[in-house]
Amino acid sequence: MKKELSKKGKISLALSFCTFFVGLSYMYFIMDGRTKLNAQDTQFLTIVVVFLSIFLIITIADRVKMHGGNFSWKKFGIILIIVILFGLWRIAV
């Protein structure tokens, strides 16, 4: 039986869960029921989403490598650029 995740993958997964719960606790305790974001909220939540995304990408890449697959960072980068450009286009329109 193959290992599910390496040590790096487990650490990355743990950090992604911690980042997620930090974001949730910020929304619950600091924002205190507000639905409109101020500049500080936007900046903090953007940082949380970026870190969460990075940790989850590392976890997915590690899981693919542990199962014998080949994770292509080049293909992933191209897909990511397309998604970002589509999002920017949707914001501009």
PDB file of N, CA and C in Angstrom:
ATOM      1  N   MET A   1       0.848  -1.191   0.000  1.00  0.00           N
ATOM      2  CA  MET A   1       0.000   0.000   0.000  1.00  0.00           C
ATOM      3  C   MET A   1       0.884   1.242   0.000  1.00  0.00           C
ATOM      4  N   LYS A   2       0.585   2.164  -0.899  1.00  0.00           N
ATOM      5  CA  LYS A   2       1.368   3.391  -1.004  1.00  0.00           C
ATOM      6  C   LYS A   2       0.960   4.373   0.081  1.00  0.00           C
ATOM      7  N   LYS A   3       1.912   5.207   0.437  1.00  0.00           N
ATOM      8  CA  LYS A   3       1.601   6.273   1.379  1.00  0.00           C
ATOM      9  C   LYS A   3       0.691   7.284   0.693  1.00  0.00           C
ATOM     10  N   GLU A   4      -0.191   7.864   1.451  1.00  0.00           N
ATOM     11  CA  GLU A   4      -1.101   8.858   0.880  1.00  0.00           C
ATOM     12  C   GLU A   4      -0.397  10.185   0.635  1.00  0.00           C
ATOM     13  N   LEU A   5       0.364  10.643   1.614  1.00  0.00           N
ATOM     14  CA  LEU A   5       1.059  11.921   1.493  1.00  0.00           C
ATOM     15  C   LEU A   5       2.441  11.799   2.129  1.00  0.00           C
ATOM     16  N   SER A   6       3.378  12.549   1.598  1.00  0.00           N
ATOM     17  CA  SER A   6       4.700  12.605   2.222  1.00  0.00           C
ATOM     18  C   SER A   6       4.633  13.570   3.407  1.00  0.00           C
ATOM     19  N   LYS A   7       5.763  13.734   4.069  1.00  0.00           N
ATOM     20  CA  LYS A   7       5.805  14.639   5.217  1.00  0.00           C
ATOM     21  C   LYS A   7       5.476  16.072   4.796  1.00  0.00           C
ATOM     22  N   LYS A   8       6.025  16.482   3.640  1.00  0.00           N
ATOM     23  CA  LYS A   8       5.757  17.830   3.126  1.00  0.00           C
ATOM     24  C   LYS A   8       4.263  18.002   2.821  1.00  0.00           C
ATOM     25  N   GLY A   9       3.642  16.966   2.259  1.00  0.00           N
ATOM     26  CA  GLY A   9       2.222  17.036   1.952  1.00  0.00           C
ATOM     27  C   GLY A   9       1.357  17.127   3.192  1.00  0.00           C
ATOM     28  N   LYS A  10       1.736  16.371   4.231  1.00  0.00           N
ATOM     29  CA  LYS A  10       0.969  16.413   5.482  1.00  0.00           C
ATOM     30  C   LYS A  10       1.083  17.779   6.151  1.00  0.00           C
ATOM     31  N   ILE A  11       2.297  18.342   6.134  1.00  0.00           N
ATOM     32  CA  ILE A  11       2.481  19.676   6.716  1.00  0.00           C
ATOM     33  C   ILE A  11       1.676  20.705   5.928  1.00  0.00           C
ATOM     34  N   SER A  12       1.696  20.600   4.614  1.00  0.00           N
ATOM     35  CA  SER A  12       0.953  21.529   3.774  1.00  0.00           C
ATOM     36  C   SER A  12      -0.550  21.412   4.005  1.00  0.00           C
ATOM     37  N   LEU A  13      -1.037  20.192   4.152  1.00  0.00           N
ATOM     38  CA  LEU A  13      -2.460  19.976   4.413  1.00  0.00           C
ATOM     39  C   LEU A  13      -2.855  20.553   5.776  1.00  0.00           C
ATOM     40  N   ALA A  14      -2.004  20.326   6.780  1.00  0.00           N
ATOM     41  CA  ALA A  14      -2.286  20.875   8.113  1.00  0.00           C
ATOM     42  C   ALA A  14      -2.299  22.405   8.082  1.00  0.00           C
ATOM     43  N   LEU A  15      -1.357  22.997   7.358  1.00  0.00           N
ATOM     44  CA  LEU A  15      -1.321  24.458   7.257  1.00  0.00           C
ATOM     45  C   LEU A  15      -2.531  25.005   6.496  1.00  0.00           C
ATOM     46  N   SER A  16      -3.001  24.265   5.494  1.00  0.00           N
ATOM     47  CA  SER A  16      -4.179  24.739   4.768  1.00  0.00           C
ATOM     48  C   SER A  16      -5.420  24.705   5.661  1.00  0.00           C
ATOM     49  N   PHE A  17      -5.563  23.662   6.478  1.00  0.00           N
ATOM     50  CA  PHE A  17      -6.696  23.619   7.413  1.00  0.00           C
ATOM     51  C   PHE A  17      -6.594  24.738   8.441  1.00  0.00           C
ATOM     52  N   CYS A  18      -5.385  24.977   8.970  1.00  0.00           N
ATOM     53  CA  CYS A  18      -5.201  26.061   9.943  1.00  0.00           C
ATOM     54  C   CYS A  18      -5.527  27.421   9.320  1.00  0.00           C
ATOM     55  N   THR A  19      -5.081  27.632   8.088  1.00  0.00           N
ATOM     56  CA  THR A  19      -5.367  28.893   7.399  1.00  0.00           C
ATOM     57  C   THR A  19      -6.863  29.070   7.196  1.00  0.00           C
ATOM     58  N   PHE A  20      -7.545  27.984   6.828  1.00  0.00           N
ATOM     59  CA  PHE A  20      -8.991  28.033   6.636  1.00  0.00           C
ATOM     60  C   PHE A  20      -9.706  28.411   7.933  1.00  0.00           C
ATOM     61  N   PHE A  21      -9.298  27.798   9.043  1.00  0.00           N
ATOM     62  CA  PHE A  21      -9.950  28.095  10.316  1.00  0.00           C
ATOM     63  C   PHE A  21      -9.594  29.487  10.836  1.00  0.00           C
ATOM     64  N   VAL A  22      -8.410  29.985  10.500  1.00  0.00           N
ATOM     65  CA  VAL A  22      -8.070  31.371  10.849  1.00  0.00           C
ATOM     66  C   VAL A  22      -8.997  32.333  10.104  1.00  0.00           C
ATOM     67  N   GLY A  23      -9.226  32.062   8.812  1.00  0.00           N
ATOM     68  CA  GLY A  23     -10.143  32.903   8.040  1.00  0.00           C
ATOM     69  C   GLY A  23     -11.562  32.861   8.587  1.00  0.00           C
ATOM     70  N   LEU A  24     -12.030  31.653   8.941  1.00  0.00           N
ATOM     71  CA  LEU A  24     -13.376  31.537   9.509  1.00  0.00           C
ATOM     72  C   LEU A  24     -13.490  32.233  10.854  1.00  0.00           C
ATOM     73  N   SER A  25     -12.476  32.069  11.696  1.00  0.00           N
ATOM     74  CA  SER A  25     -12.537  32.718  13.007  1.00  0.00           C
ATOM     75  C   SER A  25     -12.463  34.227  12.886  1.00  0.00           C
ATOM     76  N   TYR A  26     -11.710  34.722  11.898  1.00  0.00           N
ATOM     77  CA  TYR A  26     -11.669  36.166  11.662  1.00  0.00           C
ATOM     78  C   TYR A  26     -13.059  36.673  11.275  1.00  0.00           C
ATOM     79  N   MET A  27     -13.715  35.941  10.381  1.00  0.00           N
ATOM     80  CA  MET A  27     -15.057  36.359   9.967  1.00  0.00           C
ATOM     81  C   MET A  27     -16.036  36.326  11.132  1.00  0.00           C
ATOM     82  N   TYR A  28     -15.898  35.347  12.010  1.00  0.00           N
ATOM     83  CA  TYR A  28     -16.848  35.209  13.118  1.00  0.00           C
ATOM     84  C   TYR A  28     -16.566  36.202  14.239  1.00  0.00           C
ATOM     85  N   PHE A  29     -15.301  36.310  14.671  1.00  0.00           N
ATOM     86  CA  PHE A  29     -14.988  37.121  15.843  1.00  0.00           C
ATOM     87  C   PHE A  29     -14.701  38.583  15.504  1.00  0.00           C
ATOM     88  N   ILE A  30     -13.933  38.845  14.482  1.00  0.00           N
ATOM     89  CA  ILE A  30     -13.523  40.218  14.187  1.00  0.00           C
ATOM     90  C   ILE A  30     -14.606  40.969  13.418  1.00  0.00           C
ATOM     91  N   MET A  31     -15.140  40.320  12.383  1.00  0.00           N
ATOM     92  CA  MET A  31     -16.157  41.005  11.584  1.00  0.00           C
ATOM     93  C   MET A  31     -17.484  41.089  12.333  1.00  0.00           C
ATOM     94  N   ASP A  32     -17.748  40.153  13.213  1.00  0.00           N
ATOM     95  CA  ASP A  32     -18.891  40.197  14.129  1.00  0.00           C
ATOM     96  C   ASP A  32     -20.220  40.443  13.419  1.00  0.00           C
ATOM     97  N   GLY A  33     -20.466  39.700  12.363  1.00  0.00           N
ATOM     98  CA  GLY A  33     -21.748  39.769  11.687  1.00  0.00           C
ATOM     99  C   GLY A  33     -21.855  40.813  10.597  1.00  0.00           C
ATOM    100  N   ARG A  34     -20.785  41.587  10.381  1.00  0.00           N
ATOM    101  CA  ARG A  34     -20.833  42.574   9.308  1.00  0.00           C
ATOM    102  C   ARG A  34     -20.812  41.861   7.961  1.00  0.00           C
ATOM    103  N   THR A  35     -21.517  42.399   7.000  1.00  0.00           N
ATOM    104  CA  THR A  35     -21.501  41.827   5.666  1.00  0.00           C
ATOM    105  C   THR A  35     -20.701  42.668   4.692  1.00  0.00           C
ATOM    106  N   LYS A  36     -20.447  43.918   5.043  1.00  0.00           N
ATOM    107  CA  LYS A  36     -19.654  44.791   4.174  1.00  0.00           C
ATOM    108  C   LYS A  36     -18.216  44.793   4.670  1.00  0.00           C
ATOM    109  N   LEU A  37     -17.287  44.587   3.724  1.00  0.00           N
ATOM    110  CA  LEU A  37     -15.873  44.543   4.069  1.00  0.00           C
ATOM    111  C   LEU A  37     -15.261  45.932   4.036  1.00  0.00           C
ATOM    112  N   ASN A  38     -14.400  46.206   5.003  1.00  0.00           N
ATOM    113  CA  ASN A  38     -13.604  47.425   4.914  1.00  0.00           C
ATOM    114  C   ASN A  38     -12.236  47.054   4.342  1.00  0.00           C
ATOM    115  N   ALA A  39     -11.340  48.017   4.248  1.00  0.00           N
ATOM    116  CA  ALA A  39     -10.038  47.775   3.597  1.00  0.00           C
ATOM    117  C   ALA A  39      -9.216  46.728   4.347  1.00  0.00           C
ATOM    118  N   GLN A  40      -9.268  46.769   5.668  1.00  0.00           N
ATOM    119  CA  GLN A  40      -8.503  45.806   6.469  1.00  0.00           C
ATOM    120  C   GLN A  40      -9.036  44.390   6.276  1.00  0.00           C
ATOM    121  N   ASP A  41     -10.350  44.237   6.244  1.00  0.00           N
ATOM    122  CA  ASP A  41     -10.949  42.914   6.034  1.00  0.00           C
ATOM    123  C   ASP A  41     -10.574  42.358   4.672  1.00  0.00           C
ATOM    124  N   THR A  42     -10.659  43.188   3.664  1.00  0.00           N
ATOM    125  CA  THR A  42     -10.343  42.747   2.302  1.00  0.00           C
ATOM    126  C   THR A  42      -8.898  42.293   2.197  1.00  0.00           C
ATOM    127  N   GLN A  43      -7.997  43.060   2.772  1.00  0.00           N
ATOM    128  CA  GLN A  43      -6.583  42.713   2.712  1.00  0.00           C
ATOM    129  C   GLN A  43      -6.312  41.400   3.448  1.00  0.00           C
ATOM    130  N   PHE A  44      -6.862  41.237   4.629  1.00  0.00           N
ATOM    131  CA  PHE A  44      -6.626  40.019   5.403  1.00  0.00           C
ATOM    132  C   PHE A  44      -7.208  38.798   4.710  1.00  0.00           C
ATOM    133  N   LEU A  45      -8.438  38.892   4.239  1.00  0.00           N
ATOM    134  CA  LEU A  45      -9.075  37.742   3.600  1.00  0.00           C
ATOM    135  C   LEU A  45      -8.404  37.391   2.271  1.00  0.00           C
ATOM    136  N   THR A  46      -7.878  38.373   1.563  1.00  0.00           N
ATOM    137  CA  THR A  46      -7.117  38.094   0.343  1.00  0.00           C
ATOM    138  C   THR A  46      -5.858  37.307   0.671  1.00  0.00           C
ATOM    139  N   ILE A  47      -5.158  37.703   1.722  1.00  0.00           N
ATOM    140  CA  ILE A  47      -3.962  36.981   2.143  1.00  0.00           C
ATOM    141  C   ILE A  47      -4.309  35.554   2.554  1.00  0.00           C
ATOM    142  N   VAL A  48      -5.406  35.375   3.279  1.00  0.00           N
ATOM    143  CA  VAL A  48      -5.827  34.040   3.695  1.00  0.00           C
ATOM    144  C   VAL A  48      -6.126  33.162   2.477  1.00  0.00           C
ATOM    145  N   VAL A  49      -6.833  33.690   1.507  1.00  0.00           N
ATOM    146  CA  VAL A  49      -7.177  32.914   0.308  1.00  0.00           C
ATOM    147  C   VAL A  49      -5.925  32.552  -0.490  1.00  0.00           C
ATOM    148  N   VAL A  50      -4.977  33.477  -0.594  1.00  0.00           N
ATOM    149  CA  VAL A  50      -3.740  33.199  -1.330  1.00  0.00           C
ATOM    150  C   VAL A  50      -2.942  32.093  -0.637  1.00  0.00           C
ATOM    151  N   PHE A  51      -2.770  32.194   0.668  1.00  0.00           N
ATOM    152  CA  PHE A  51      -2.033  31.155   1.390  1.00  0.00           C
ATOM    153  C   PHE A  51      -2.745  29.813   1.328  1.00  0.00           C
ATOM    154  N   LEU A  52      -4.055  29.826   1.466  1.00  0.00           N
ATOM    155  CA  LEU A  52      -4.828  28.585   1.385  1.00  0.00           C
ATOM    156  C   LEU A  52      -4.668  27.938   0.016  1.00  0.00           C
ATOM    157  N   SER A  53      -4.702  28.728  -1.022  1.00  0.00           N
ATOM    158  CA  SER A  53      -4.532  28.199  -2.380  1.00  0.00           C
ATOM    159  C   SER A  53      -3.148  27.594  -2.578  1.00  0.00           C
ATOM    160  N   ILE A  54      -2.129  28.282  -2.092  1.00  0.00           N
ATOM    161  CA  ILE A  54      -0.762  27.772  -2.235  1.00  0.00           C
ATOM    162  C   ILE A  54      -0.597  26.446  -1.515  1.00  0.00           C
ATOM    163  N   PHE A  55      -1.083  26.362  -0.287  1.00  0.00           N
ATOM    164  CA  PHE A  55      -0.944  25.120   0.473  1.00  0.00           C
ATOM    165  C   PHE A  55      -1.723  23.973  -0.168  1.00  0.00           C
ATOM    166  N   LEU A  56      -2.906  24.264  -0.696  1.00  0.00           N
ATOM    167  CA  LEU A  56      -3.686  23.202  -1.339  1.00  0.00           C
ATOM    168  C   LEU A  56      -3.046  22.741  -2.647  1.00  0.00           C
ATOM    169  N   ILE A  57      -2.433  23.646  -3.391  1.00  0.00           N
ATOM    170  CA  ILE A  57      -1.735  23.263  -4.621  1.00  0.00           C
ATOM    171  C   ILE A  57      -0.560  22.346  -4.299  1.00  0.00           C
ATOM    172  N   ILE A  58       0.193  22.688  -3.246  1.00  0.00           N
ATOM    173  CA  ILE A  58       1.313  21.842  -2.837  1.00  0.00           C
ATOM    174  C   ILE A  58       0.821  20.466  -2.412  1.00  0.00           C
ATOM    175  N   THR A  59      -0.297  20.409  -1.691  1.00  0.00           N
ATOM    176  CA  THR A  59      -0.856  19.131  -1.258  1.00  0.00           C
ATOM    177  C   THR A  59      -1.305  18.294  -2.450  1.00  0.00           C
ATOM    178  N   ILE A  60      -1.977  18.903  -3.401  1.00  0.00           N
ATOM    179  CA  ILE A  60      -2.443  18.169  -4.593  1.00  0.00           C
ATOM    180  C   ILE A  60      -1.255  17.654  -5.397  1.00  0.00           C
ATOM    181  N   ALA A  61      -0.234  18.490  -5.578  1.00  0.00           N
ATOM    182  CA  ALA A  61       0.951  18.064  -6.328  1.00  0.00           C
ATOM    183  C   ALA A  61       1.650  16.910  -5.625  1.00  0.00           C
ATOM    184  N   ASP A  62       1.728  16.962  -4.304  1.00  0.00           N
ATOM    185  CA  ASP A  62       2.365  15.885  -3.557  1.00  0.00           C
ATOM    186  C   ASP A  62       1.571  14.588  -3.659  1.00  0.00           C
ATOM    187  N   ARG A  63       0.258  14.705  -3.610  1.00  0.00           N
ATOM    188  CA  ARG A  63      -0.584  13.507  -3.716  1.00  0.00           C
ATOM    189  C   ARG A  63      -0.439  12.852  -5.092  1.00  0.00           C
ATOM    190  N   VAL A  64      -0.359  13.656  -6.134  1.00  0.00           N
ATOM    191  CA  VAL A  64      -0.172  13.113  -7.485  1.00  0.00           C
ATOM    192  C   VAL A  64       1.168  12.392  -7.581  1.00  0.00           C
ATOM    193  N   LYS A  65       2.214  12.997  -7.032  1.00  0.00           N
ATOM    194  CA  LYS A  65       3.538  12.369  -7.076  1.00  0.00           C
ATOM    195  C   LYS A  65       3.580  11.077  -6.265  1.00  0.00           C
ATOM    196  N   MET A  66       2.868  11.026  -5.145  1.00  0.00           N
ATOM    197  CA  MET A  66       2.875   9.818  -4.312  1.00  0.00           C
ATOM    198  C   MET A  66       2.140   8.666  -4.990  1.00  0.00           C
ATOM    199  N   HIS A  67       1.204   8.963  -5.862  1.00  0.00           N
ATOM    200  CA  HIS A  67       0.468   7.921  -6.575  1.00  0.00           C
ATOM    201  C   HIS A  67       1.116   7.584  -7.919  1.00  0.00           C
ATOM    202  N   GLY A  68       2.312   8.069  -8.139  1.00  0.00           N
ATOM    203  CA  GLY A  68       3.048   7.709  -9.346  1.00  0.00           C
ATOM    204  C   GLY A  68       2.722   8.548 -10.562  1.00  0.00           C
ATOM    205  N   GLY A  69       1.918   9.547 -10.413  1.00  0.00           N
ATOM    206  CA  GLY A  69       1.573  10.405 -11.538  1.00  0.00           C
ATOM    207  C   GLY A  69       2.641  11.453 -11.773  1.00  0.00           C
ATOM    208  N   ASN A  70       2.467  12.181 -12.824  1.00  0.00           N
ATOM    209  CA  ASN A  70       3.404  13.239 -13.171  1.00  0.00           C
ATOM    210  C   ASN A  70       2.670  14.567 -13.115  1.00  0.00           C
ATOM    211  N   PHE A  71       3.055  15.416 -12.189  1.00  0.00           N
ATOM    212  CA  PHE A  71       2.417  16.727 -12.052  1.00  0.00           C
ATOM    213  C   PHE A  71       3.205  17.730 -12.874  1.00  0.00           C
ATOM    214  N   SER A  72       2.573  18.297 -13.872  1.00  0.00           N
ATOM    215  CA  SER A  72       3.248  19.246 -14.747  1.00  0.00           C
ATOM    216  C   SER A  72       2.962  20.672 -14.273  1.00  0.00           C
ATOM    217  N   TRP A  73       4.009  21.308 -13.750  1.00  0.00           N
ATOM    218  CA  TRP A  73       3.855  22.679 -13.291  1.00  0.00           C
ATOM    219  C   TRP A  73       3.607  23.622 -14.456  1.00  0.00           C
ATOM    220  N   LYS A  74       4.138  23.273 -15.634  1.00  0.00           N
ATOM    221  CA  LYS A  74       3.945  24.120 -16.816  1.00  0.00           C
ATOM    222  C   LYS A  74       2.471  24.149 -17.223  1.00  0.00           C
ATOM    223  N   LYS A  75       1.843  22.967 -17.308  1.00  0.00           N
ATOM    224  CA  LYS A  75       0.417  22.909 -17.656  1.00  0.00           C
ATOM    225  C   LYS A  75      -0.423  23.597 -16.588  1.00  0.00           C
ATOM    226  N   PHE A  76      -0.055  23.383 -15.328  1.00  0.00           N
ATOM    227  CA  PHE A  76      -0.791  24.011 -14.240  1.00  0.00           C
ATOM    228  C   PHE A  76      -0.689  25.528 -14.340  1.00  0.00           C
ATOM    229  N   GLY A  77       0.497  26.047 -14.642  1.00  0.00           N
ATOM    230  CA  GLY A  77       0.689  27.488 -14.780  1.00  0.00           C
ATOM    231  C   GLY A  77      -0.128  28.078 -15.908  1.00  0.00           C
ATOM    232  N   ILE A  78      -0.184  27.362 -17.022  1.00  0.00           N
ATOM    233  CA  ILE A  78      -0.976  27.833 -18.165  1.00  0.00           C
ATOM    234  C   ILE A  78      -2.459  27.894 -17.803  1.00  0.00           C
ATOM    235  N   ILE A  79      -2.954  26.851 -17.155  1.00  0.00           N
ATOM    236  CA  ILE A  79      -4.361  26.838 -16.729  1.00  0.00           C
ATOM    237  C   ILE A  79      -4.631  27.957 -15.736  1.00  0.00           C
ATOM    238  N   LEU A  80      -3.708  28.173 -14.803  1.00  0.00           N
ATOM    239  CA  LEU A  80      -3.875  29.232 -13.804  1.00  0.00           C
ATOM    240  C   LEU A  80      -3.904  30.611 -14.451  1.00  0.00           C
ATOM    241  N   ILE A  81      -3.040  30.844 -15.417  1.00  0.00           N
ATOM    242  CA  ILE A  81      -3.031  32.134 -16.127  1.00  0.00           C
ATOM    243  C   ILE A  81      -4.344  32.344 -16.874  1.00  0.00           C
ATOM    244  N   ILE A  82      -4.856  31.297 -17.515  1.00  0.00           N
ATOM    245  CA  ILE A  82      -6.130  31.414 -18.225  1.00  0.00           C
ATOM    246  C   ILE A  82      -7.260  31.761 -17.262  1.00  0.00           C
ATOM    247  N   VAL A  83      -7.292  31.099 -16.103  1.00  0.00           N
ATOM    248  CA  VAL A  83      -8.345  31.365 -15.114  1.00  0.00           C
ATOM    249  C   VAL A  83      -8.237  32.796 -14.586  1.00  0.00           C
ATOM    250  N   ILE A  84      -7.015  33.243 -14.301  1.00  0.00           N
ATOM    251  CA  ILE A  84      -6.831  34.610 -13.806  1.00  0.00           C
ATOM    252  C   ILE A  84      -7.242  35.637 -14.854  1.00  0.00           C
ATOM    253  N   LEU A  85      -6.845  35.431 -16.097  1.00  0.00           N
ATOM    254  CA  LEU A  85      -7.219  36.368 -17.158  1.00  0.00           C
ATOM    255  C   LEU A  85      -8.727  36.386 -17.381  1.00  0.00           C
ATOM    256  N   PHE A  86      -9.368  35.218 -17.305  1.00  0.00           N
ATOM    257  CA  PHE A  86     -10.828  35.179 -17.429  1.00  0.00           C
ATOM    258  C   PHE A  86     -11.491  35.946 -16.304  1.00  0.00           C
ATOM    259  N   GLY A  87     -10.967  35.774 -15.081  1.00  0.00           N
ATOM    260  CA  GLY A  87     -11.513  36.509 -13.943  1.00  0.00           C
ATOM    261  C   GLY A  87     -11.344  38.000 -14.082  1.00  0.00           C
ATOM    262  N   LEU A  88     -10.177  38.427 -14.546  1.00  0.00           N
ATOM    263  CA  LEU A  88      -9.953  39.870 -14.763  1.00  0.00           C
ATOM    264  C   LEU A  88     -10.852  40.417 -15.855  1.00  0.00           C
ATOM    265  N   TRP A  89     -11.064  39.613 -16.889  1.00  0.00           N
ATOM    266  CA  TRP A  89     -11.959  40.035 -17.956  1.00  0.00           C
ATOM    267  C   TRP A  89     -13.382  40.195 -17.434  1.00  0.00           C
ATOM    268  N   ARG A  90     -13.828  39.265 -16.598  1.00  0.00           N
ATOM    269  CA  ARG A  90     -15.189  39.341 -16.044  1.00  0.00           C
ATOM    270  C   ARG A  90     -15.352  40.562 -15.142  1.00  0.00           C
ATOM    271  N   ILE A  91     -14.291  40.908 -14.420  1.00  0.00           N
ATOM    272  CA  ILE A  91     -14.363  42.090 -13.563  1.00  0.00           C
ATOM    273  C   ILE A  91     -14.435  43.356 -14.402  1.00  0.00           C
ATOM    274  N   ALA A  92     -13.677  43.381 -15.504  1.00  0.00           N
ATOM    275  CA  ALA A  92     -13.628  44.576 -16.356  1.00  0.00           C
ATOM    276  C   ALA A  92     -14.906  44.790 -17.145  1.00  0.00           C
ATOM    277  N   VAL A  93     -15.637  43.727 -17.444  1.00  0.00           N
ATOM    278  CA  VAL A  93     -16.825  43.851 -18.302  1.00  0.00           C
ATOM    279  C   VAL A  93     -18.042  44.217 -17.492  1.00  0.00           C
TER     280      VAL A  93
END
